[in-house]
Protein backbone atom coordinates (compact mmCIF):
# COMPACT_ATOMS: atom_id res chain seq x y z
CA UNK A 1 -1.69 11.29 -11.41
CA UNK A 2 -3.57 12.02 -8.10
CA UNK A 3 -6.64 9.83 -8.63
CA UNK A 4 -6.64 6.20 -9.98
CA UNK A 5 -9.10 3.33 -10.15
CA UNK A 6 -11.18 2.12 -8.77
CA UNK A 7 -8.98 -0.81 -7.94
CA UNK A 8 -10.17 -4.30 -6.94
CA UNK A 9 -8.89 -4.95 -3.38
CA UNK A 10 -9.52 -8.10 -1.20
CA UNK A 11 -9.17 -5.86 1.94
CA UNK A 12 -11.17 -2.95 0.74
CA UNK A 13 -13.43 -3.92 -2.06
CA UNK A 14 -13.73 -1.36 -4.81
CA UNK A 15 -10.95 1.23 -3.83
CA UNK A 16 -10.66 4.55 -5.39
CA UNK A 17 -6.98 5.37 -5.14
CA UNK A 18 -5.69 8.64 -4.09
CA UNK A 19 -1.92 9.52 -4.69
CA UNK A 20 -1.08 12.41 -2.30
CA UNK A 21 2.65 11.97 -2.56
CA UNK A 22 4.76 12.40 -5.77
CA UNK A 23 6.66 9.33 -6.98
CA UNK A 24 8.85 7.66 -4.43
CA UNK A 25 9.01 10.15 -1.70
CA UNK A 26 9.11 7.65 1.15
CA UNK A 27 10.69 6.94 4.56
CA UNK A 28 11.65 3.38 3.48
CA UNK A 29 13.19 1.75 0.39
CA UNK A 30 11.60 -1.65 0.82
CA UNK A 31 13.27 -4.57 -1.13
CA UNK A 32 9.91 -5.78 -2.15
CA UNK A 33 8.38 -2.45 -3.39
CA UNK A 34 6.68 -2.84 -6.62
CA UNK A 35 7.44 0.80 -7.59
CA UNK A 36 11.18 0.26 -7.39
CA UNK A 37 13.78 1.95 -5.22
CA UNK A 38 12.99 5.00 -3.31
CA UNK A 39 14.53 8.08 -4.98
CA UNK A 40 13.77 10.67 -2.16
CA UNK A 41 14.12 9.03 1.32
CA UNK A 42 12.82 11.62 3.83
CA UNK A 43 11.07 11.73 7.23
CA UNK A 44 10.19 15.49 7.36
CA UNK A 45 6.43 16.16 6.63
CA UNK A 46 5.66 18.75 4.03
CA UNK A 47 3.00 19.83 1.71
CA UNK A 48 3.05 18.27 -1.72
CA UNK A 49 -0.20 18.81 -3.67
CA UNK A 50 -2.79 21.40 -3.11
CA UNK A 51 -5.65 20.02 -0.91
CA UNK A 52 -8.26 21.71 -3.18
CA UNK A 53 -6.70 20.02 -6.38
CA UNK A 54 -6.95 16.56 -4.60
CA UNK A 55 -10.60 17.09 -3.54
CA UNK A 56 -11.60 18.43 -6.87
CA UNK A 57 -10.11 15.44 -8.81
CA UNK A 58 -11.63 12.89 -6.41
CA UNK A 59 -14.95 14.48 -6.86
CA UNK A 60 -14.79 14.51 -10.42
CA UNK A 61 -13.74 10.76 -10.52
CA UNK A 62 -16.63 9.81 -8.20
CA UNK A 63 -18.99 11.67 -10.51
CA UNK A 64 -17.63 9.53 -13.48
CA UNK A 65 -17.73 6.22 -11.68
CA UNK A 66 -20.75 6.64 -9.55
CA UNK A 67 -20.48 6.89 -5.78
CA UNK A 68 -22.20 3.40 -5.33
CA UNK A 69 -19.46 1.77 -7.15
CA UNK A 70 -16.74 2.79 -4.50
CA UNK A 71 -16.38 1.09 -1.25
CA UNK A 72 -13.36 3.10 0.11
CA UNK A 73 -11.49 6.33 -1.01
CA UNK A 74 -8.01 4.94 -0.23
CA UNK A 75 -5.03 7.05 0.20
CA UNK A 76 -2.31 4.77 -1.10
CA UNK A 77 0.38 6.83 -2.84
CA UNK A 78 3.55 6.30 -4.75
CA UNK A 79 5.35 6.97 -1.45
CA UNK A 80 4.45 7.11 2.33
CA UNK A 81 1.11 9.04 2.71
CA UNK A 82 1.97 10.37 6.19
CA UNK A 83 4.79 12.52 4.98
CA UNK A 84 1.84 14.78 3.60
CA UNK A 85 1.36 17.43 6.30
CA UNK A 86 -2.09 18.07 4.91
CA UNK A 87 -3.17 14.36 5.49
CA UNK A 88 -5.67 15.11 8.25
CA UNK A 89 -7.45 17.82 6.40
CA UNK A 90 -7.53 15.66 3.08
CA UNK A 91 -9.22 12.86 5.05
CA UNK A 92 -11.82 15.19 6.66
CA UNK A 93 -12.70 16.67 3.32
CA UNK A 94 -12.62 13.24 1.47
CA UNK A 95 -15.06 11.75 4.18
CA UNK A 96 -17.75 14.02 2.84
CA UNK A 97 -17.82 11.84 -0.32
CA UNK A 98 -17.38 8.38 1.37
CA UNK A 99 -15.39 6.18 3.63
CA UNK A 100 -11.71 6.85 3.66
CA UNK A 101 -8.82 4.29 4.19
CA UNK A 102 -5.20 4.99 4.48
CA UNK A 103 -2.36 2.51 3.80
CA UNK A 104 0.72 3.40 5.79
CA UNK A 105 4.07 1.71 6.45
CA UNK A 106 3.76 2.95 10.15
CA UNK A 107 7.20 4.55 10.14
CA UNK A 108 6.02 7.89 11.37
CA UNK A 109 3.49 6.81 13.83
CA UNK A 110 5.82 7.72 16.75
CA UNK A 111 4.79 11.29 15.81
CA UNK A 112 1.69 12.51 17.67
CA UNK A 113 0.56 14.77 14.81
CA UNK A 114 0.70 11.77 12.37
CA UNK A 115 -1.34 9.64 14.82
CA UNK A 116 -3.96 12.63 15.16
CA UNK A 117 -4.22 12.80 11.27
CA UNK A 118 -4.78 9.08 10.81
CA UNK A 119 -7.31 8.94 13.55
CA UNK A 120 -9.59 10.86 11.18
CA UNK A 121 -9.88 7.73 8.70
CA UNK A 122 -12.41 5.14 8.80
CA UNK A 123 -9.82 2.44 8.14
CA UNK A 124 -6.10 2.34 8.66
CA UNK A 125 -3.72 -0.32 7.42
CA UNK A 126 -0.30 -0.57 9.22
CA UNK A 127 2.79 -2.41 8.18
CA UNK A 128 4.72 -4.70 10.48
CA UNK A 129 7.21 -6.76 8.61
CA UNK A 130 9.38 -7.63 11.67
CA UNK A 131 10.04 -7.17 15.31
CA UNK A 132 13.79 -7.19 14.98
CA UNK A 133 15.91 -4.24 14.00
CA UNK A 134 18.55 -6.08 11.84
CA UNK A 135 15.69 -7.67 9.71
CA UNK A 136 13.89 -4.37 9.63
CA UNK A 137 17.10 -2.58 8.11
CA UNK A 138 17.47 -5.36 5.50
CA UNK A 139 13.72 -5.53 4.36
CA UNK A 140 12.55 -1.97 4.90
CA UNK A 141 16.02 0.00 4.45
CA UNK A 142 14.75 2.86 6.44
CA UNK A 143 15.72 6.51 6.60
CA UNK A 144 18.94 6.62 8.78
CA UNK A 145 17.21 8.70 11.52
CA UNK A 146 14.35 6.13 12.11
CA UNK A 147 14.44 3.76 15.09
CA UNK A 148 12.29 0.63 14.93
CA UNK A 149 11.56 0.52 18.68
CA UNK A 150 10.07 4.06 18.49
CA UNK A 151 7.88 3.05 15.64
CA UNK A 152 6.51 0.00 17.42
CA UNK A 153 5.65 2.15 20.43
CA UNK A 154 3.92 4.55 18.03
CA UNK A 155 1.88 1.71 16.63
CA UNK A 156 0.91 0.66 20.16
CA UNK A 157 -0.07 4.25 20.93
CA UNK A 158 -2.13 4.50 17.88
CA UNK A 159 -4.04 1.28 18.46
CA UNK A 160 -5.19 2.61 21.88
CA UNK A 161 -6.17 6.03 20.47
CA UNK A 162 -7.84 4.88 17.27
CA UNK A 163 -11.55 4.09 17.18
CA UNK A 164 -11.73 2.97 13.49
CA UNK A 165 -11.05 -0.22 11.74
CA UNK A 166 -7.36 -1.26 12.09
CA UNK A 167 -5.71 -3.89 10.03
CA UNK A 168 -2.17 -4.85 9.49
CA UNK A 169 0.00 -6.28 6.64
CA UNK A 170 3.29 -8.25 6.98
CA UNK A 171 5.29 -9.13 3.86
CA UNK A 172 6.93 -12.33 4.27
CA UNK A 173 10.26 -12.94 2.32
CA UNK A 174 12.31 -15.99 1.82
CA UNK A 175 15.72 -15.57 3.77
CA UNK A 176 14.63 -12.39 5.59
CA UNK A 177 11.66 -12.85 8.00
CA UNK A 178 10.45 -16.40 7.15
CA UNK A 179 11.53 -18.12 10.45
CA UNK A 180 9.14 -19.32 13.15
CA UNK A 181 10.85 -17.09 15.56
CA UNK A 182 10.22 -13.98 13.42
CA UNK A 183 6.50 -14.65 12.74
CA UNK A 184 5.91 -15.49 16.55
CA UNK A 185 7.29 -12.26 17.60
CA UNK A 186 5.08 -10.41 14.95
CA UNK A 187 1.99 -12.42 16.21
CA UNK A 188 2.65 -11.53 19.84
CA UNK A 189 3.09 -7.85 19.03
CA UNK A 190 -0.19 -7.72 16.87
CA UNK A 191 -1.99 -9.42 19.83
CA UNK A 192 -1.43 -6.25 21.75
CA UNK A 193 -3.33 -4.21 19.29
CA UNK A 194 -7.02 -3.54 18.69
CA UNK A 195 -6.56 -5.12 15.21
CA UNK A 196 -9.48 -6.54 13.20
CA UNK A 197 -7.43 -8.66 10.80
CA UNK A 198 -3.77 -9.41 10.11
CA UNK A 199 -2.76 -10.02 6.50
CA UNK A 200 0.33 -12.06 5.55
CA UNK A 201 1.44 -11.36 1.98
CA UNK A 202 4.22 -12.25 -0.48
CA UNK A 203 5.48 -10.51 -3.61
CA UNK A 204 3.01 -10.84 -6.46
CA UNK A 205 4.30 -8.20 -8.70
CA UNK A 206 7.99 -7.33 -9.76
CA UNK A 207 9.76 -6.20 -6.52
CA UNK A 208 12.59 -3.65 -6.25
CA UNK A 209 15.08 -6.29 -5.57
CA UNK A 210 15.53 -9.97 -6.35
CA UNK A 211 13.35 -11.29 -3.53
CA UNK A 212 10.55 -13.67 -3.22
CA UNK A 213 8.21 -15.20 -0.66
CA UNK A 214 8.48 -18.54 0.85
CA UNK A 215 6.72 -21.69 -0.32
CA UNK A 216 2.84 -21.83 0.00
CA UNK A 217 3.16 -24.59 2.62
CA UNK A 218 5.36 -22.41 4.81
CA UNK A 219 3.08 -19.43 4.48
CA UNK A 220 0.19 -21.71 5.74
CA UNK A 221 2.29 -22.78 8.70
CA UNK A 222 2.87 -19.10 9.44
CA UNK A 223 -0.91 -18.31 9.19
CA UNK A 224 -1.39 -21.16 11.69
CA UNK A 225 0.93 -19.27 14.11
CA UNK A 226 -0.78 -15.84 13.69
CA UNK A 227 -4.14 -17.38 14.17
CA UNK A 228 -3.41 -18.31 17.66
CA UNK A 229 -3.05 -14.60 18.43
CA UNK A 230 -5.18 -12.58 15.74
CA UNK A 231 -7.59 -13.14 12.81
CA UNK A 232 -5.32 -13.75 9.96
CA UNK A 233 -5.81 -13.91 6.19
CA UNK A 234 -3.35 -14.57 3.27
CA UNK A 235 -2.75 -12.21 0.47
CA UNK A 236 -0.51 -14.46 -1.86
CA UNK A 237 -2.09 -13.87 -5.34
CA UNK A 238 -3.25 -11.01 -7.36
CA UNK A 239 -6.59 -9.41 -6.65
CA UNK A 240 -9.46 -10.75 -8.66
CA UNK A 241 -11.71 -8.40 -10.48
CA UNK A 242 -11.05 -5.59 -12.99
CA UNK A 243 -9.79 -1.92 -12.61
CA UNK A 244 -12.17 0.91 -13.78
CA UNK A 245 -10.45 1.97 -17.02
CA UNK A 246 -11.98 4.55 -19.51
CA UNK A 247 -8.83 6.03 -21.00
CA UNK A 248 -5.15 5.53 -21.53
CA UNK A 249 -4.52 8.01 -18.79
CA UNK A 250 -6.44 5.73 -16.34
CA UNK A 251 -4.10 2.79 -17.26
CA UNK A 252 -0.98 4.98 -16.79
CA UNK A 253 -2.32 6.24 -13.33
CA UNK A 254 -3.13 2.76 -12.15
CA UNK A 255 0.32 1.43 -13.21
CA UNK A 256 2.01 4.12 -11.34
CA UNK A 257 0.79 2.11 -8.11
CA UNK A 258 -0.25 -1.35 -9.58
CA UNK A 259 1.96 -2.77 -12.47
CA UNK A 260 -0.26 -4.64 -14.73
CA UNK A 261 0.46 -8.11 -16.18
CA UNK A 262 0.82 -8.12 -19.91
CA UNK A 263 -2.33 -9.98 -20.65
CA UNK A 264 -4.51 -7.68 -18.67
CA UNK A 265 -2.79 -4.65 -20.15
CA UNK A 266 -3.61 -5.94 -23.70
CA UNK A 267 -7.25 -6.55 -22.61
CA UNK A 268 -7.58 -2.92 -21.45
CA UNK A 269 -5.78 -1.54 -24.51
CA UNK A 270 -8.12 -3.59 -26.81
CA UNK A 271 -11.10 -1.94 -25.21
CA UNK A 272 -9.69 1.47 -25.93
CA UNK A 273 -8.83 0.46 -29.53
CA UNK A 274 -5.03 0.67 -28.87
CA UNK A 275 -2.17 -1.75 -29.20
CA UNK A 276 0.69 -2.12 -26.94
CA UNK A 277 3.19 -1.04 -29.64
CA UNK A 278 1.47 2.30 -29.89
CA UNK A 279 1.86 3.15 -26.20
CA UNK A 280 4.84 1.04 -24.90
CA UNK A 281 7.04 4.23 -24.67
CA UNK A 282 4.98 5.28 -21.73
CA UNK A 283 5.68 2.19 -19.68
CA UNK A 284 8.72 0.18 -18.31
CA UNK A 285 8.46 -3.56 -18.92
CA UNK A 286 9.60 -5.67 -16.21
CA UNK A 287 9.91 -9.43 -16.26
CA UNK A 288 8.93 -11.29 -12.97
CA UNK A 289 8.60 -15.02 -12.88
CA UNK A 290 7.26 -16.13 -16.28
CA UNK A 291 5.26 -13.00 -16.84
CA UNK A 292 5.84 -9.45 -18.08
CA UNK A 293 4.56 -6.37 -16.26
CA UNK A 294 3.90 -2.84 -17.37
CA UNK A 295 4.70 -0.03 -14.93
CA UNK A 296 4.30 3.74 -15.70
CA UNK A 297 7.62 5.22 -17.01
CA UNK A 298 8.74 8.14 -14.86
């Protein structure tokens, strides 16, 4: 589904999600991805959905929710948004309805046309999980033709060119990038950017592989390292607040990007007069920690 939410977001407030990429078309297959492994790993930009279709569905959803209830229209799809060759046009048209944010893994920022498209957005969130190529290949499992050094230079170029709000996210994983050396190099790199805030996160929903974040005390130490270079905040628990749900289709759309914990799923279904037994054929059930999560079945 192209539009979902709104979704409560600590970074963006009430975020109306826009899914401009079909399921799991991505440049990476991150071990921590809450949507599972990438099925179509590509780096060539192409057209996926009609721009008019996206704009029409967003406009309809905003009419349903009320414009004042939305802080950002956020392009945060099932894959990497910059693969969409129409991204710049979509952002310009969406900005007629509100502020636009894009959540990118940064992998195509070495391309000038990608940077030009992203410059249209009010806010861009970039991804920097590591400064070291071996770690990058273990965590992000990139397309074979991508080169980390080119990506990092692309991020630097974008930061110089961009006049909007720039934030970053780093996913910290135990046994991957949870050393002082890793975090220090990330901090030094982020200090070169015109960045408003850096977010450190850990997996809070079921990841693609059997990985987890380090201890909370360790994450706090890493936050202390980053704070010597940039403003830093932790994202180590589920967002508080509730999603905008009016139908089963809304739940399906949201769980394509944000798997829902079982108790929250039951709460939403109860409001719709439904029971989990009636709809569970539409979802994959994933156990993570001591919780069950529901993700849209593809």
